[in-house]
Amino acid sequence: GACGSLYNIVTDERLNHRLEVTAGILEKECSEQLQNFFAHRR
């Protein structure tokens, strides 16, 4: 992740543009979708 987890490119003041960021919207659903996919793949 480059929007807060490992880096924060979208709010880096050294760049010429920054975005407003909102995280965690329907987080549970998004996370479960990915977890189920990888569990099935494993």
PDB file of all heavy atoms in Angstrom:
ATOM      1  N   GLY A   1       0.807  -1.210   0.000  1.00  0.00           N
ATOM      2  CA  GLY A   1       0.000   0.000   0.000  1.00  0.00           C
ATOM      3  C   GLY A   1       0.842   1.263   0.000  1.00  0.00           C
ATOM      4  O   GLY A   1       1.792   1.390   0.780  1.00  0.00           O
ATOM      5  N   ALA A   2       0.497   2.191  -0.879  1.00  0.00           N
ATOM      6  CA  ALA A   2       1.273   3.427  -1.025  1.00  0.00           C
ATOM      7  C   ALA A   2       0.440   4.665  -0.708  1.00  0.00           C
ATOM      8  O   ALA A   2       0.725   5.754  -1.200  1.00  0.00           O
ATOM      9  CB  ALA A   2       1.862   3.503  -2.423  1.00  0.00           C
ATOM     10  N   CYS A   3      -0.602   4.477   0.111  1.00  0.00           N
ATOM     11  CA  CYS A   3      -1.459   5.598   0.508  1.00  0.00           C
ATOM     12  C   CYS A   3      -1.574   5.659   2.022  1.00  0.00           C
ATOM     13  O   CYS A   3      -2.590   6.076   2.569  1.00  0.00           O
ATOM     14  CB  CYS A   3      -2.826   5.465  -0.149  1.00  0.00           C
ATOM     15  SG  CYS A   3      -2.751   5.445  -1.940  1.00  0.00           S
ATOM     16  N   GLY A   4      -0.516   5.184   2.691  1.00  0.00           N
ATOM     17  CA  GLY A   4      -0.485   5.223   4.143  1.00  0.00           C
ATOM     18  C   GLY A   4       0.197   4.033   4.782  1.00  0.00           C
ATOM     19  O   GLY A   4       0.814   4.170   5.829  1.00  0.00           O
ATOM     20  N   SER A   5       0.110   2.858   4.185  1.00  0.00           N
ATOM     21  CA  SER A   5       0.685   1.665   4.817  1.00  0.00           C
ATOM     22  C   SER A   5       2.209   1.628   4.732  1.00  0.00           C
ATOM     23  O   SER A   5       2.892   1.611   5.751  1.00  0.00           O
ATOM     24  CB  SER A   5       0.093   0.398   4.206  1.00  0.00           C
ATOM     25  OG  SER A   5      -1.255   0.266   4.578  1.00  0.00           O
ATOM     26  N   LEU A   6       2.755   1.579   3.512  1.00  0.00           N
ATOM     27  CA  LEU A   6       4.212   1.572   3.332  1.00  0.00           C
ATOM     28  C   LEU A   6       4.742   2.944   2.956  1.00  0.00           C
ATOM     29  O   LEU A   6       5.821   3.340   3.385  1.00  0.00           O
ATOM     30  CB  LEU A   6       4.623   0.578   2.238  1.00  0.00           C
ATOM     31  CG  LEU A   6       4.401  -0.889   2.532  1.00  0.00           C
ATOM     32  CD1 LEU A   6       4.826  -1.728   1.337  1.00  0.00           C
ATOM     33  CD2 LEU A   6       5.175  -1.312   3.763  1.00  0.00           C
ATOM     34  N   TYR A   7       4.021   3.609   2.114  1.00  0.00           N
ATOM     35  CA  TYR A   7       4.365   4.951   1.633  1.00  0.00           C
ATOM     36  C   TYR A   7       3.096   5.784   1.718  1.00  0.00           C
ATOM     37  O   TYR A   7       2.021   5.270   1.979  1.00  0.00           O
ATOM     38  CB  TYR A   7       4.823   4.921   0.163  1.00  0.00           C
ATOM     39  CG  TYR A   7       5.900   3.920  -0.116  1.00  0.00           C
ATOM     40  CD1 TYR A   7       5.602   2.691  -0.705  1.00  0.00           C
ATOM     41  CD2 TYR A   7       7.228   4.188   0.209  1.00  0.00           C
ATOM     42  CE1 TYR A   7       6.591   1.760  -0.959  1.00  0.00           C
ATOM     43  CE2 TYR A   7       8.217   3.265  -0.048  1.00  0.00           C
ATOM     44  CZ  TYR A   7       7.899   2.054  -0.631  1.00  0.00           C
ATOM     45  OH  TYR A   7       8.877   1.137  -0.882  1.00  0.00           O
ATOM     46  N   ASN A   8       3.238   7.077   1.430  1.00  0.00           N
ATOM     47  CA  ASN A   8       2.038   7.903   1.348  1.00  0.00           C
ATOM     48  C   ASN A   8       2.200   8.874   0.181  1.00  0.00           C
ATOM     49  O   ASN A   8       2.322  10.080   0.366  1.00  0.00           O
ATOM     50  CB  ASN A   8       1.747   8.631   2.652  1.00  0.00           C
ATOM     51  CG  ASN A   8       0.280   8.962   2.767  1.00  0.00           C
ATOM     52  OD1 ASN A   8      -0.436   8.972   1.763  1.00  0.00           O
ATOM     53  ND2 ASN A   8      -0.180   9.230   3.957  1.00  0.00           N
ATOM     54  N   ILE A   9       2.197   8.317  -0.996  1.00  0.00           N
ATOM     55  CA  ILE A   9       2.431   9.081  -2.214  1.00  0.00           C
ATOM     56  C   ILE A   9       1.345  10.128  -2.436  1.00  0.00           C
ATOM     57  O   ILE A   9       1.633  11.248  -2.843  1.00  0.00           O
ATOM     58  CB  ILE A   9       2.549   8.122  -3.421  1.00  0.00           C
ATOM     59  CG1 ILE A   9       3.826   7.290  -3.277  1.00  0.00           C
ATOM     60  CG2 ILE A   9       2.514   8.883  -4.741  1.00  0.00           C
ATOM     61  CD1 ILE A   9       3.966   6.153  -4.266  1.00  0.00           C
ATOM     62  N   VAL A  10       0.097   9.782  -2.161  1.00  0.00           N
ATOM     63  CA  VAL A  10      -1.015  10.680  -2.505  1.00  0.00           C
ATOM     64  C   VAL A  10      -1.110  11.925  -1.630  1.00  0.00           C
ATOM     65  O   VAL A  10      -1.826  12.857  -1.980  1.00  0.00           O
ATOM     66  CB  VAL A  10      -2.372   9.933  -2.523  1.00  0.00           C
ATOM     67  CG1 VAL A  10      -2.404   8.894  -3.629  1.00  0.00           C
ATOM     68  CG2 VAL A  10      -2.676   9.305  -1.184  1.00  0.00           C
ATOM     69  N   THR A  11      -0.394  11.955  -0.520  1.00  0.00           N
ATOM     70  CA  THR A  11      -0.393  13.162   0.315  1.00  0.00           C
ATOM     71  C   THR A  11       1.011  13.718   0.518  1.00  0.00           C
ATOM     72  O   THR A  11       1.205  14.608   1.345  1.00  0.00           O
ATOM     73  CB  THR A  11      -1.043  12.897   1.694  1.00  0.00           C
ATOM     74  OG1 THR A  11      -0.299  11.895   2.376  1.00  0.00           O
ATOM     75  CG2 THR A  11      -2.495  12.482   1.548  1.00  0.00           C
ATOM     76  N   ASP A  12       1.975  13.247  -0.240  1.00  0.00           N
ATOM     77  CA  ASP A  12       3.363  13.690  -0.109  1.00  0.00           C
ATOM     78  C   ASP A  12       3.490  15.154  -0.537  1.00  0.00           C
ATOM     79  O   ASP A  12       3.202  15.495  -1.692  1.00  0.00           O
ATOM     80  CB  ASP A  12       4.269  12.804  -0.960  1.00  0.00           C
ATOM     81  CG  ASP A  12       5.744  13.025  -0.683  1.00  0.00           C
ATOM     82  OD1 ASP A  12       6.158  14.190  -0.453  1.00  0.00           O
ATOM     83  OD2 ASP A  12       6.495  12.031  -0.702  1.00  0.00           O
ATOM     84  N   GLU A  13       3.880  15.994   0.378  1.00  0.00           N
ATOM     85  CA  GLU A  13       3.961  17.438   0.099  1.00  0.00           C
ATOM     86  C   GLU A  13       5.045  17.797  -0.903  1.00  0.00           C
ATOM     87  O   GLU A  13       5.055  18.915  -1.423  1.00  0.00           O
ATOM     88  CB  GLU A  13       4.149  18.207   1.408  1.00  0.00           C
ATOM     89  CG  GLU A  13       2.911  18.139   2.278  1.00  0.00           C
ATOM     90  CD  GLU A  13       2.994  19.005   3.520  1.00  0.00           C
ATOM     91  OE1 GLU A  13       3.944  19.793   3.644  1.00  0.00           O
ATOM     92  OE2 GLU A  13       2.078  18.880   4.347  1.00  0.00           O
ATOM     93  N   ARG A  14       5.960  16.886  -1.190  1.00  0.00           N
ATOM     94  CA  ARG A  14       7.009  17.162  -2.179  1.00  0.00           C
ATOM     95  C   ARG A  14       6.476  17.077  -3.608  1.00  0.00           C
ATOM     96  O   ARG A  14       7.103  17.579  -4.526  1.00  0.00           O
ATOM     97  CB  ARG A  14       8.174  16.181  -2.000  1.00  0.00           C
ATOM     98  CG  ARG A  14       8.870  16.342  -0.652  1.00  0.00           C
ATOM     99  CD  ARG A  14       9.835  15.229  -0.397  1.00  0.00           C
ATOM    100  NE  ARG A  14       9.102  13.971  -0.283  1.00  0.00           N
ATOM    101  CZ  ARG A  14       9.685  12.791  -0.092  1.00  0.00           C
ATOM    102  NH1 ARG A  14      10.990  12.691  -0.012  1.00  0.00           N
ATOM    103  NH2 ARG A  14       8.958  11.693   0.017  1.00  0.00           N
ATOM    104  N   LEU A  15       5.323  16.473  -3.774  1.00  0.00           N
ATOM    105  CA  LEU A  15       4.735  16.336  -5.108  1.00  0.00           C
ATOM    106  C   LEU A  15       3.850  17.531  -5.414  1.00  0.00           C
ATOM    107  O   LEU A  15       3.423  18.256  -4.514  1.00  0.00           O
ATOM    108  CB  LEU A  15       3.945  15.027  -5.197  1.00  0.00           C
ATOM    109  CG  LEU A  15       4.788  13.765  -4.978  1.00  0.00           C
ATOM    110  CD1 LEU A  15       3.910  12.531  -4.972  1.00  0.00           C
ATOM    111  CD2 LEU A  15       5.886  13.645  -6.028  1.00  0.00           C
ATOM    112  N   ASN A  16       3.531  17.691  -6.698  1.00  0.00           N
ATOM    113  CA  ASN A  16       2.777  18.884  -7.132  1.00  0.00           C
ATOM    114  C   ASN A  16       1.272  18.790  -6.886  1.00  0.00           C
ATOM    115  O   ASN A  16       0.563  19.757  -7.126  1.00  0.00           O
ATOM    116  CB  ASN A  16       3.040  19.150  -8.614  1.00  0.00           C
ATOM    117  CG  ASN A  16       2.519  18.033  -9.510  1.00  0.00           C
ATOM    118  OD1 ASN A  16       2.383  16.901  -9.079  1.00  0.00           O
ATOM    119  ND2 ASN A  16       2.249  18.357 -10.746  1.00  0.00           N
ATOM    120  N   HIS A  17       0.786  17.638  -6.449  1.00  0.00           N
ATOM    121  CA  HIS A  17      -0.647  17.483  -6.202  1.00  0.00           C
ATOM    122  C   HIS A  17      -0.841  16.483  -5.070  1.00  0.00           C
ATOM    123  O   HIS A  17      -0.075  15.533  -4.922  1.00  0.00           O
ATOM    124  CB  HIS A  17      -1.356  16.969  -7.473  1.00  0.00           C
ATOM    125  CG  HIS A  17      -2.829  16.814  -7.306  1.00  0.00           C
ATOM    126  ND1 HIS A  17      -3.696  17.875  -7.267  1.00  0.00           N
ATOM    127  CD2 HIS A  17      -3.593  15.702  -7.122  1.00  0.00           C
ATOM    128  CE1 HIS A  17      -4.936  17.427  -7.089  1.00  0.00           C
ATOM    129  NE2 HIS A  17      -4.893  16.116  -7.003  1.00  0.00           N
ATOM    130  N   ARG A  18      -1.879  16.705  -4.292  1.00  0.00           N
ATOM    131  CA  ARG A  18      -2.231  15.800  -3.198  1.00  0.00           C
ATOM    132  C   ARG A  18      -3.727  15.526  -3.231  1.00  0.00           C
ATOM    133  O   ARG A  18      -4.501  16.363  -3.688  1.00  0.00           O
ATOM    134  CB  ARG A  18      -1.827  16.410  -1.852  1.00  0.00           C
ATOM    135  CG  ARG A  18      -0.325  16.326  -1.605  1.00  0.00           C
ATOM    136  CD  ARG A  18       0.164  17.254  -0.531  1.00  0.00           C
ATOM    137  NE  ARG A  18       0.071  18.679  -0.859  1.00  0.00           N
ATOM    138  CZ  ARG A  18       0.821  19.312  -1.752  1.00  0.00           C
ATOM    139  NH1 ARG A  18       1.701  18.656  -2.460  1.00  0.00           N
ATOM    140  NH2 ARG A  18       0.678  20.603  -1.960  1.00  0.00           N
ATOM    141  N   LEU A  19      -4.105  14.363  -2.731  1.00  0.00           N
ATOM    142  CA  LEU A  19      -5.506  13.967  -2.694  1.00  0.00           C
ATOM    143  C   LEU A  19      -5.997  13.908  -1.260  1.00  0.00           C
ATOM    144  O   LEU A  19      -5.235  13.580  -0.347  1.00  0.00           O
ATOM    145  CB  LEU A  19      -5.699  12.570  -3.296  1.00  0.00           C
ATOM    146  CG  LEU A  19      -5.611  12.401  -4.790  1.00  0.00           C
ATOM    147  CD1 LEU A  19      -4.195  12.466  -5.298  1.00  0.00           C
ATOM    148  CD2 LEU A  19      -6.245  11.087  -5.186  1.00  0.00           C
ATOM    149  N   GLU A  20      -7.271  14.162  -1.082  1.00  0.00           N
ATOM    150  CA  GLU A  20      -7.928  13.873   0.186  1.00  0.00           C
ATOM    151  C   GLU A  20      -8.132  12.361   0.214  1.00  0.00           C
ATOM    152  O   GLU A  20      -8.524  11.762  -0.797  1.00  0.00           O
ATOM    153  CB  GLU A  20      -9.278  14.592   0.229  1.00  0.00           C
ATOM    154  CG  GLU A  20     -10.098  14.290   1.452  1.00  0.00           C
ATOM    155  CD  GLU A  20     -11.504  14.862   1.372  1.00  0.00           C
ATOM    156  OE1 GLU A  20     -11.710  15.865   0.664  1.00  0.00           O
ATOM    157  OE2 GLU A  20     -12.396  14.280   2.007  1.00  0.00           O
ATOM    158  N   VAL A  21      -7.874  11.721   1.343  1.00  0.00           N
ATOM    159  CA  VAL A  21      -7.976  10.261   1.440  1.00  0.00           C
ATOM    160  C   VAL A  21      -8.946   9.875   2.545  1.00  0.00           C
ATOM    161  O   VAL A  21      -8.875  10.399   3.659  1.00  0.00           O
ATOM    162  CB  VAL A  21      -6.591   9.620   1.717  1.00  0.00           C
ATOM    163  CG1 VAL A  21      -6.724   8.105   1.872  1.00  0.00           C
ATOM    164  CG2 VAL A  21      -5.601   9.965   0.616  1.00  0.00           C
ATOM    165  N   THR A  22      -9.838   8.947   2.219  1.00  0.00           N
ATOM    166  CA  THR A  22     -10.734   8.334   3.191  1.00  0.00           C
ATOM    167  C   THR A  22     -10.520   6.831   3.106  1.00  0.00           C
ATOM    168  O   THR A  22     -10.672   6.243   2.028  1.00  0.00           O
ATOM    169  CB  THR A  22     -12.210   8.665   2.895  1.00  0.00           C
ATOM    170  OG1 THR A  22     -12.372  10.088   2.881  1.00  0.00           O
ATOM    171  CG2 THR A  22     -13.135   8.050   3.939  1.00  0.00           C
ATOM    172  N   ALA A  23     -10.150   6.222   4.219  1.00  0.00           N
ATOM    173  CA  ALA A  23      -9.892   4.780   4.242  1.00  0.00           C
ATOM    174  C   ALA A  23     -10.933   4.068   5.093  1.00  0.00           C
ATOM    175  O   ALA A  23     -11.572   4.680   5.951  1.00  0.00           O
ATOM    176  CB  ALA A  23      -8.500   4.516   4.802  1.00  0.00           C
ATOM    177  N   GLY A  24     -11.111   2.773   4.830  1.00  0.00           N
ATOM    178  CA  GLY A  24     -11.949   1.942   5.675  1.00  0.00           C
ATOM    179  C   GLY A  24     -13.421   1.900   5.317  1.00  0.00           C
ATOM    180  O   GLY A  24     -14.226   1.410   6.102  1.00  0.00           O
ATOM    181  N   ILE A  25     -13.791   2.363   4.128  1.00  0.00           N
ATOM    182  CA  ILE A  25     -15.197   2.302   3.718  1.00  0.00           C
ATOM    183  C   ILE A  25     -15.513   0.867   3.275  1.00  0.00           C
ATOM    184  O   ILE A  25     -14.846   0.330   2.386  1.00  0.00           O
ATOM    185  CB  ILE A  25     -15.498   3.307   2.584  1.00  0.00           C
ATOM    186  CG1 ILE A  25     -15.186   4.739   3.029  1.00  0.00           C
ATOM    187  CG2 ILE A  25     -16.943   3.168   2.106  1.00  0.00           C
ATOM    188  CD1 ILE A  25     -16.014   5.243   4.204  1.00  0.00           C
ATOM    189  N   LEU A  26     -16.492   0.256   3.908  1.00  0.00           N
ATOM    190  CA  LEU A  26     -16.849  -1.156   3.701  1.00  0.00           C
ATOM    191  C   LEU A  26     -15.607  -2.042   3.817  1.00  0.00           C
ATOM    192  O   LEU A  26     -15.425  -3.007   3.071  1.00  0.00           O
ATOM    193  CB  LEU A  26     -17.560  -1.364   2.359  1.00  0.00           C
ATOM    194  CG  LEU A  26     -18.881  -0.626   2.175  1.00  0.00           C
ATOM    195  CD1 LEU A  26     -19.516  -0.990   0.827  1.00  0.00           C
ATOM    196  CD2 LEU A  26     -19.867  -0.920   3.304  1.00  0.00           C
ATOM    197  N   GLU A  27     -14.775  -1.700   4.784  1.00  0.00           N
ATOM    198  CA  GLU A  27     -13.497  -2.394   4.986  1.00  0.00           C
ATOM    199  C   GLU A  27     -13.680  -3.901   5.172  1.00  0.00           C
ATOM    200  O   GLU A  27     -12.948  -4.698   4.581  1.00  0.00           O
ATOM    201  CB  GLU A  27     -12.787  -1.797   6.197  1.00  0.00           C
ATOM    202  CG  GLU A  27     -11.457  -2.446   6.514  1.00  0.00           C
ATOM    203  CD  GLU A  27     -10.769  -1.771   7.683  1.00  0.00           C
ATOM    204  OE1 GLU A  27     -11.421  -1.025   8.440  1.00  0.00           O
ATOM    205  OE2 GLU A  27      -9.559  -1.997   7.823  1.00  0.00           O
ATOM    206  N   LYS A  28     -14.646  -4.280   6.000  1.00  0.00           N
ATOM    207  CA  LYS A  28     -14.858  -5.711   6.281  1.00  0.00           C
ATOM    208  C   LYS A  28     -15.186  -6.471   4.999  1.00  0.00           C
ATOM    209  O   LYS A  28     -14.610  -7.529   4.726  1.00  0.00           O
ATOM    210  CB  LYS A  28     -15.984  -5.865   7.308  1.00  0.00           C
ATOM    211  CG  LYS A  28     -16.265  -7.291   7.707  1.00  0.00           C
ATOM    212  CD  LYS A  28     -17.342  -7.357   8.791  1.00  0.00           C
ATOM    213  CE  LYS A  28     -17.568  -8.794   9.215  1.00  0.00           C
ATOM    214  NZ  LYS A  28     -18.922  -9.237   8.932  1.00  0.00           N
ATOM    215  N   GLU A  29     -16.092  -5.938   4.198  1.00  0.00           N
ATOM    216  CA  GLU A  29     -16.485  -6.597   2.952  1.00  0.00           C
ATOM    217  C   GLU A  29     -15.305  -6.702   1.978  1.00  0.00           C
ATOM    218  O   GLU A  29     -15.093  -7.743   1.359  1.00  0.00           O
ATOM    219  CB  GLU A  29     -17.647  -5.852   2.286  1.00  0.00           C
ATOM    220  CG  GLU A  29     -18.939  -5.895   3.065  1.00  0.00           C
ATOM    221  CD  GLU A  29     -19.090  -4.790   4.109  1.00  0.00           C
ATOM    222  OE1 GLU A  29     -18.068  -4.238   4.578  1.00  0.00           O
ATOM    223  OE2 GLU A  29     -20.244  -4.493   4.471  1.00  0.00           O
ATOM    224  N   CYS A  30     -14.551  -5.626   1.863  1.00  0.00           N
ATOM    225  CA  CYS A  30     -13.404  -5.622   0.950  1.00  0.00           C
ATOM    226  C   CYS A  30     -12.342  -6.618   1.405  1.00  0.00           C
ATOM    227  O   CYS A  30     -11.797  -7.378   0.596  1.00  0.00           O
ATOM    228  CB  CYS A  30     -12.802  -4.214   0.864  1.00  0.00           C
ATOM    229  SG  CYS A  30     -13.875  -2.992   0.097  1.00  0.00           S
ATOM    230  N   SER A  31     -12.062  -6.609   2.686  1.00  0.00           N
ATOM    231  CA  SER A  31     -11.056  -7.505   3.250  1.00  0.00           C
ATOM    232  C   SER A  31     -11.480  -8.968   3.110  1.00  0.00           C
ATOM    233  O   SER A  31     -10.679  -9.827   2.712  1.00  0.00           O
ATOM    234  CB  SER A  31     -10.828  -7.157   4.716  1.00  0.00           C
ATOM    235  OG  SER A  31      -9.839  -7.970   5.272  1.00  0.00           O
ATOM    236  N   GLU A  32     -12.733  -9.256   3.426  1.00  0.00           N
ATOM    237  CA  GLU A  32     -13.224 -10.640   3.326  1.00  0.00           C
ATOM    238  C   GLU A  32     -13.186 -11.144   1.889  1.00  0.00           C
ATOM    239  O   GLU A  32     -12.875 -12.314   1.644  1.00  0.00           O
ATOM    240  CB  GLU A  32     -14.645 -10.742   3.885  1.00  0.00           C
ATOM    241  CG  GLU A  32     -14.695 -10.705   5.386  1.00  0.00           C
ATOM    242  CD  GLU A  32     -16.111 -10.744   5.942  1.00  0.00           C
ATOM    243  OE1 GLU A  32     -17.096 -10.683   5.160  1.00  0.00           O
ATOM    244  OE2 GLU A  32     -16.226 -10.812   7.189  1.00  0.00           O
ATOM    245  N   GLN A  33     -13.495 -10.278   0.935  1.00  0.00           N
ATOM    246  CA  GLN A  33     -13.458 -10.673  -0.468  1.00  0.00           C
ATOM    247  C   GLN A  33     -12.051 -11.150  -0.851  1.00  0.00           C
ATOM    248  O   GLN A  33     -11.881 -12.187  -1.474  1.00  0.00           O
ATOM    249  CB  GLN A  33     -13.900  -9.506  -1.348  1.00  0.00           C
ATOM    250  CG  GLN A  33     -14.088  -9.851  -2.803  1.00  0.00           C
ATOM    251  CD  GLN A  33     -14.622  -8.661  -3.601  1.00  0.00           C
ATOM    252  OE1 GLN A  33     -14.208  -7.519  -3.387  1.00  0.00           O
ATOM    253  NE2 GLN A  33     -15.534  -8.932  -4.518  1.00  0.00           N
ATOM    254  N   LEU A  34     -11.053 -10.397  -0.436  1.00  0.00           N
ATOM    255  CA  LEU A  34      -9.664 -10.763  -0.725  1.00  0.00           C
ATOM    256  C   LEU A  34      -9.234 -12.003   0.058  1.00  0.00           C
ATOM    257  O   LEU A  34      -8.619 -12.920  -0.505  1.00  0.00           O
ATOM    258  CB  LEU A  34      -8.733  -9.592  -0.416  1.00  0.00           C
ATOM    259  CG  LEU A  34      -8.817  -8.434  -1.402  1.00  0.00           C
ATOM    260  CD1 LEU A  34      -8.261  -7.156  -0.793  1.00  0.00           C
ATOM    261  CD2 LEU A  34      -8.074  -8.790  -2.685  1.00  0.00           C
ATOM    262  N   GLN A  35      -9.565 -12.063   1.334  1.00  0.00           N
ATOM    263  CA  GLN A  35      -9.194 -13.214   2.155  1.00  0.00           C
ATOM    264  C   GLN A  35      -9.802 -14.500   1.618  1.00  0.00           C
ATOM    265  O   GLN A  35      -9.119 -15.538   1.549  1.00  0.00           O
ATOM    266  CB  GLN A  35      -9.614 -12.996   3.612  1.00  0.00           C
ATOM    267  CG  GLN A  35      -8.787 -11.961   4.324  1.00  0.00           C
ATOM    268  CD  GLN A  35      -9.353 -11.597   5.693  1.00  0.00           C
ATOM    269  OE1 GLN A  35     -10.460 -11.998   6.062  1.00  0.00           O
ATOM    270  NE2 GLN A  35      -8.595 -10.815   6.440  1.00  0.00           N
ATOM    271  N   ASN A  36     -11.070 -14.460   1.231  1.00  0.00           N
ATOM    272  CA  ASN A  36     -11.728 -15.650   0.689  1.00  0.00           C
ATOM    273  C   ASN A  36     -11.086 -16.093  -0.618  1.00  0.00           C
ATOM    274  O   ASN A  36     -10.913 -17.289  -0.855  1.00  0.00           O
ATOM    275  CB  ASN A  36     -13.223 -15.391   0.487  1.00  0.00           C
ATOM    276  CG  ASN A  36     -13.963 -15.236   1.796  1.00  0.00           C
ATOM    277  OD1 ASN A  36     -13.511 -15.677   2.853  1.00  0.00           O
ATOM    278  ND2 ASN A  36     -15.118 -14.585   1.747  1.00  0.00           N
ATOM    279  N   PHE A  37     -10.733 -15.130  -1.464  1.00  0.00           N
ATOM    280  CA  PHE A  37     -10.076 -15.445  -2.731  1.00  0.00           C
ATOM    281  C   PHE A  37      -8.762 -16.183  -2.483  1.00  0.00           C
ATOM    282  O   PHE A  37      -8.498 -17.226  -3.080  1.00  0.00           O
ATOM    283  CB  PHE A  37      -9.828 -14.170  -3.538  1.00  0.00           C
ATOM    284  CG  PHE A  37      -9.004 -14.378  -4.766  1.00  0.00           C
ATOM    285  CD1 PHE A  37      -9.585 -14.865  -5.936  1.00  0.00           C
ATOM    286  CD2 PHE A  37      -7.640 -14.098  -4.777  1.00  0.00           C
ATOM    287  CE1 PHE A  37      -8.825 -15.068  -7.088  1.00  0.00           C
ATOM    288  CE2 PHE A  37      -6.884 -14.295  -5.918  1.00  0.00           C
ATOM    289  CZ  PHE A  37      -7.471 -14.777  -7.073  1.00  0.00           C
ATOM    290  N   PHE A  38      -7.923 -15.646  -1.585  1.00  0.00           N
ATOM    291  CA  PHE A  38      -6.620 -16.262  -1.349  1.00  0.00           C
ATOM    292  C   PHE A  38      -6.739 -17.583  -0.590  1.00  0.00           C
ATOM    293  O   PHE A  38      -5.960 -18.512  -0.845  1.00  0.00           O
ATOM    294  CB  PHE A  38      -5.679 -15.284  -0.648  1.00  0.00           C
ATOM    295  CG  PHE A  38      -5.164 -14.222  -1.587  1.00  0.00           C
ATOM    296  CD1 PHE A  38      -5.540 -12.902  -1.423  1.00  0.00           C
ATOM    297  CD2 PHE A  38      -4.340 -14.546  -2.658  1.00  0.00           C
ATOM    298  CE1 PHE A  38      -5.090 -11.925  -2.302  1.00  0.00           C
ATOM    299  CE2 PHE A  38      -3.891 -13.582  -3.545  1.00  0.00           C
ATOM    300  CZ  PHE A  38      -4.253 -12.267  -3.369  1.00  0.00           C
ATOM    301  N   ALA A  39      -7.707 -17.723   0.279  1.00  0.00           N
ATOM    302  CA  ALA A  39      -7.935 -18.998   0.965  1.00  0.00           C
ATOM    303  C   ALA A  39      -8.329 -20.065  -0.051  1.00  0.00           C
ATOM    304  O   ALA A  39      -7.826 -21.200  -0.009  1.00  0.00           O
ATOM    305  CB  ALA A  39      -9.014 -18.856   2.030  1.00  0.00           C
ATOM    306  N   HIS A  40      -9.211 -19.690  -0.969  1.00  0.00           N
ATOM    307  CA  HIS A  40      -9.636 -20.618  -2.019  1.00  0.00           C
ATOM    308  C   HIS A  40      -8.445 -20.994  -2.911  1.00  0.00           C
ATOM    309  O   HIS A  40      -8.260 -22.161  -3.266  1.00  0.00           O
ATOM    310  CB  HIS A  40     -10.755 -19.984  -2.842  1.00  0.00           C
ATOM    311  CG  HIS A  40     -11.286 -20.845  -3.934  1.00  0.00           C
ATOM    312  ND1 HIS A  40     -12.036 -21.978  -3.697  1.00  0.00           N
ATOM    313  CD2 HIS A  40     -11.150 -20.765  -5.281  1.00  0.00           C
ATOM    314  CE1 HIS A  40     -12.344 -22.552  -4.842  1.00  0.00           C
ATOM    315  NE2 HIS A  40     -11.821 -21.835  -5.817  1.00  0.00           N
ATOM    316  N   ARG A  41      -7.631 -20.013  -3.256  1.00  0.00           N
ATOM    317  CA  ARG A  41      -6.463 -20.274  -4.103  1.00  0.00           C
ATOM    318  C   ARG A  41      -5.463 -21.189  -3.396  1.00  0.00           C
ATOM    319  O   ARG A  41      -4.918 -22.100  -4.014  1.00  0.00           O
ATOM    320  CB  ARG A  41      -5.792 -18.962  -4.511  1.00  0.00           C
ATOM    321  CG  ARG A  41      -4.598 -19.230  -5.428  1.00  0.00           C
ATOM    322  CD  ARG A  41      -4.080 -18.011  -6.077  1.00  0.00           C
ATOM    323  NE  ARG A  41      -4.894 -17.692  -7.234  1.00  0.00           N
ATOM    324  CZ  ARG A  41      -4.645 -16.664  -8.016  1.00  0.00           C
ATOM    325  NH1 ARG A  41      -3.642 -15.864  -7.767  1.00  0.00           N
ATOM    326  NH2 ARG A  41      -5.400 -16.428  -9.062  1.00  0.00           N
ATOM    327  N   ARG A  42      -5.235 -20.957  -2.105  1.00  0.00           N
ATOM    328  CA  ARG A  42      -4.317 -21.830  -1.353  1.00  0.00           C
ATOM    329  C   ARG A  42      -4.848 -23.256  -1.327  1.00  0.00           C
ATOM    330  O   ARG A  42      -4.089 -24.214  -1.491  1.00  0.00           O
ATOM    331  CB  ARG A  42      -4.117 -21.304   0.072  1.00  0.00           C
ATOM    332  CG  ARG A  42      -3.155 -20.136   0.169  1.00  0.00           C
ATOM    333  CD  ARG A  42      -2.796 -19.802   1.611  1.00  0.00           C
ATOM    334  NE  ARG A  42      -3.928 -19.372   2.407  1.00  0.00           N
ATOM    335  CZ  ARG A  42      -4.412 -18.128   2.430  1.00  0.00           C
ATOM    336  NH1 ARG A  42      -3.849 -17.181   1.713  1.00  0.00           N
ATOM    337  NH2 ARG A  42      -5.456 -17.831   3.184  1.00  0.00           N
TER     338      ARG A  42
END
